[in-house]
C-alpha atoms as a PDB file:
ATOM      1  CA  MET A   1      72.529 -67.649-230.879  1.00  0.00           C
ATOM      2  CA  THR A   2      74.735 -70.497-231.917  1.00  0.00           C
ATOM      3  CA  ARG A   3      78.385 -70.940-230.994  1.00  0.00           C
ATOM      4  CA  ASP A   4      79.541 -69.732-234.402  1.00  0.00           C
ATOM      5  CA  GLU A   5      77.296 -66.658-234.212  1.00  0.00           C
ATOM      6  CA  ILE A   6      78.735 -65.808-230.796  1.00  0.00           C
ATOM      7  CA  PHE A   7      82.304 -65.994-232.112  1.00  0.00           C
ATOM      8  CA  ALA A   8      81.430 -63.981-235.228  1.00  0.00           C
ATOM      9  CA  ALA A   9      79.509 -61.245-233.374  1.00  0.00           C
ATOM     10  CA  GLY A  10      81.015 -57.944-232.365  1.00  0.00           C
ATOM     11  CA  GLU A  11      80.829 -56.267-228.979  1.00  0.00           C
ATOM     12  CA  ALA A  12      77.636 -54.264-229.619  1.00  0.00           C
ATOM     13  CA  VAL A  13      75.786 -57.291-231.002  1.00  0.00           C
ATOM     14  CA  LEU A  14      76.795 -59.422-228.021  1.00  0.00           C
ATOM     15  CA  ARG A  15      75.750 -56.732-225.529  1.00  0.00           C
ATOM     16  CA  GLN A  16      72.325 -56.451-227.199  1.00  0.00           C
ATOM     17  CA  ALA A  17      71.894 -60.234-227.411  1.00  0.00           C
ATOM     18  CA  ILE A  18      72.678 -60.604-223.704  1.00  0.00           C
ATOM     19  CA  LYS A  19      70.196 -57.824-222.875  1.00  0.00           C
ATOM     20  CA  ASP A  20      67.494 -59.401-225.049  1.00  0.00           C
ATOM     21  CA  ARG A  21      67.979 -62.814-223.473  1.00  0.00           C
ATOM     22  CA  THR A  22      68.484 -61.872-219.803  1.00  0.00           C
ATOM     23  CA  GLY A  23      66.712 -58.540-219.614  1.00  0.00           C
ATOM     24  CA  ALA A  24      69.810 -56.797-218.245  1.00  0.00           C
ATOM     25  CA  MET A  25      72.643 -55.096-220.087  1.00  0.00           C
ATOM     26  CA  PRO A  26      76.127 -56.362-219.088  1.00  0.00           C
ATOM     27  CA  VAL A  27      77.509 -53.987-216.473  1.00  0.00           C
ATOM     28  CA  GLY A  28      80.950 -52.428-216.625  1.00  0.00           C
ATOM     29  CA  ARG A  29      83.719 -52.669-219.127  1.00  0.00           C
ATOM     30  CA  ARG A  30      83.942 -56.167-220.467  1.00  0.00           C
ATOM     31  CA  THR A  31      86.339 -57.677-222.968  1.00  0.00           C
ATOM     32  CA  LEU A  32      85.063 -59.337-226.104  1.00  0.00           C
ATOM     33  CA  ASP A  33      85.956 -62.748-224.657  1.00  0.00           C
ATOM     34  CA  GLY A  34      84.047 -61.923-221.477  1.00  0.00           C
ATOM     35  CA  LEU A  35      80.989 -60.922-223.504  1.00  0.00           C
ATOM     36  CA  ARG A  36      81.231 -64.169-225.458  1.00  0.00           C
ATOM     37  CA  ILE A  37      81.182 -66.131-222.224  1.00  0.00           C
ATOM     38  CA  LEU A  38      78.164 -64.193-220.924  1.00  0.00           C
ATOM     39  CA  ALA A  39      76.331 -64.709-224.221  1.00  0.00           C
ATOM     40  CA  ALA A  40      77.114 -68.421-224.188  1.00  0.00           C
ATOM     41  CA  ARG A  41      75.732 -68.705-220.658  1.00  0.00           C
ATOM     42  CA  ALA A  42      72.618 -66.715-221.591  1.00  0.00           C
ATOM     43  CA  TYR A  43      71.932 -68.900-224.629  1.00  0.00           C
ATOM     44  CA  ASP A  44      73.077 -72.142-222.954  1.00  0.00           C
ATOM     45  CA  VAL A  45      75.728 -72.755-225.602  1.00  0.00           C
ATOM     46  CA  ALA A  46      78.947 -74.653-224.875  1.00  0.00           C
ATOM     47  CA  LEU A  47      82.111 -72.765-225.710  1.00  0.00           C
ATOM     48  CA  ASP A  48      84.819 -75.371-225.941  1.00  0.00           C
ATOM     49  CA  GLU A  49      88.490 -74.873-226.667  1.00  0.00           C
ATOM     50  CA  ALA A  50      87.964 -75.743-230.340  1.00  0.00           C
ATOM     51  CA  ALA A  51      87.069 -72.189-231.297  1.00  0.00           C
ATOM     52  CA  PRO A  52      87.182 -71.242-234.979  1.00  0.00           C
ATOM     53  CA  GLU A  53      90.751 -70.699-236.137  1.00  0.00           C
ATOM     54  CA  PRO A  54      92.185 -68.577-238.892  1.00  0.00           C
ATOM     55  CA  GLU A  55      93.337 -70.409-242.000  1.00  0.00           C
ATOM     56  CA  GLY A  56      96.608 -72.283-241.649  1.00  0.00           C
ATOM     57  CA  GLY A  57      96.256 -73.008-237.932  1.00  0.00           C
ATOM     58  CA  ALA A  58      98.253 -69.938-236.886  1.00  0.00           C
ATOM     59  CA  LEU A  59      96.431 -69.835-233.563  1.00  0.00           C
ATOM     60  CA  ARG A  60      97.329 -73.450-232.804  1.00  0.00           C
ATOM     61  CA  GLU A  61     101.012 -72.747-233.532  1.00  0.00           C
ATOM     62  CA  ALA A  62     101.008 -69.669-231.289  1.00  0.00           C
ATOM     63  CA  ALA A  63      99.430 -71.602-228.409  1.00  0.00           C
ATOM     64  CA  ARG A  64     102.127 -74.293-228.434  1.00  0.00           C
ATOM     65  CA  PRO A  65     104.696 -73.551-225.726  1.00  0.00           C
ATOM     66  CA  ALA A  66     108.144 -72.807-227.046  1.00  0.00           C
ATOM     67  CA  ALA A  67     110.999 -75.098-226.099  1.00  0.00           C
ATOM     68  CA  PRO A  68     113.302 -73.501-223.565  1.00  0.00           C
ATOM     69  CA  ASP A  69     116.500 -72.066-225.008  1.00  0.00           C
ATOM     70  CA  ARG A  70     118.466 -73.621-222.187  1.00  0.00           C
ATOM     71  CA  PRO A  71     117.147 -76.870-220.690  1.00  0.00           C
ATOM     72  CA  VAL A  72     116.922 -76.786-216.900  1.00  0.00           C
ATOM     73  CA  ILE A  73     117.794 -79.540-214.459  1.00  0.00           C
ATOM     74  CA  PRO A  74     116.385 -79.884-210.923  1.00  0.00           C
ATOM     75  CA  VAL A  75     119.287 -80.067-208.458  1.00  0.00           C
ATOM     76  CA  ARG A  76     119.916 -80.208-204.713  1.00  0.00           C
ATOM     77  CA  ILE A  77     122.661 -77.933-203.406  1.00  0.00           C
ATOM     78  CA  LEU A  78     125.179 -79.979-201.369  1.00  0.00           C
ATOM     79  CA  ARG A  79     127.292 -77.069-200.131  1.00  0.00           C
ATOM     80  CA  ASP A  80     126.916 -73.296-200.191  1.00  0.00           C
ATOM     81  CA  TYR A  81     127.410 -71.850-203.630  1.00  0.00           C
ATOM     82  CA  TRP A  82     127.633 -68.234-204.815  1.00  0.00           C
ATOM     83  CA  PRO A  83     126.931 -68.034-208.550  1.00  0.00           C
ATOM     84  CA  THR A  84     128.170 -65.006-210.495  1.00  0.00           C
ATOM     85  CA  GLU A  85     124.578 -63.844-211.078  1.00  0.00           C
ATOM     86  CA  GLY A  86     122.002 -63.826-208.284  1.00  0.00           C
ATOM     87  CA  GLY A  87     122.476 -64.533-204.617  1.00  0.00           C
ATOM     88  CA  ARG A  88     123.746 -67.392-202.514  1.00  0.00           C
ATOM     89  CA  LEU A  89     122.392 -70.906-202.943  1.00  0.00           C
ATOM     90  CA  ALA A  90     122.364 -72.485-199.488  1.00  0.00           C
ATOM     91  CA  ALA A  91     123.306 -76.084-198.808  1.00  0.00           C
ATOM     92  CA  GLY A  92     120.278 -78.379-198.691  1.00  0.00           C
ATOM     93  CA  SER A  93     118.077 -76.217-200.904  1.00  0.00           C
ATOM     94  CA  VAL A  94     116.506 -77.463-204.105  1.00  0.00           C
ATOM     95  CA  THR A  95     116.422 -75.388-207.288  1.00  0.00           C
ATOM     96  CA  GLN A  96     116.608 -75.627-211.059  1.00  0.00           C
ATOM     97  CA  LEU A  97     119.737 -74.683-212.954  1.00  0.00           C
ATOM     98  CA  ALA A  98     120.465 -74.498-216.646  1.00  0.00           C
ATOM     99  CA  ALA A  99     122.064 -77.707-217.875  1.00  0.00           C
ATOM    100  CA  ASP A 100     125.266 -75.966-218.997  1.00  0.00           C
ATOM    101  CA  VAL A 101     125.625 -74.457-215.497  1.00  0.00           C
ATOM    102  CA  ALA A 102     124.606 -77.575-213.551  1.00  0.00           C
ATOM    103  CA  LYS A 103     126.837 -80.150-215.252  1.00  0.00           C
ATOM    104  CA  PRO A 104     130.184 -78.683-214.120  1.00  0.00           C
ATOM    105  CA  LEU A 105     128.768 -78.191-210.604  1.00  0.00           C
ATOM    106  CA  VAL A 106     127.697 -81.849-210.485  1.00  0.00           C
ATOM    107  CA  ARG A 107     131.231 -82.889-211.465  1.00  0.00           C
ATOM    108  CA  ALA A 108     132.648 -80.594-208.775  1.00  0.00           C
ATOM    109  CA  GLY A 109     130.348 -82.046-206.102  1.00  0.00           C
ATOM    110  CA  VAL A 110     128.534 -78.777-205.386  1.00  0.00           C
ATOM    111  CA  VAL A 111     125.100 -80.051-206.518  1.00  0.00           C
ATOM    112  CA  GLU A 112     123.414 -83.360-207.297  1.00  0.00           C
ATOM    113  CA  TRP A 113     120.679 -84.166-209.772  1.00  0.00           C
ATOM    114  CA  ILE A 114     117.338 -85.113-208.289  1.00  0.00           C
END
């Protein structure tokens, strides 16, 4: 089987191909991706990340991480702080805060950017 045949094949075809090549049927419940990996190993075919995509590159767009709605800033807490949501932030600890929350605290001397 070639790489394209592995990606085009359904579950039953992959199970049979693995059995034909290795002599043993895949055991247990396997996902289609898992069967593709087993078939690629059985046929010594490289499965790289450049798998066939649907037209328009929809898969590539979905894989791109979304930008955070609120950018976060790493900060060191200089004195104890009790935000309205969550628990206490102890002096000396390091955390990440949303930029709109961190900026006023930096001005007030509660946290510092790191």
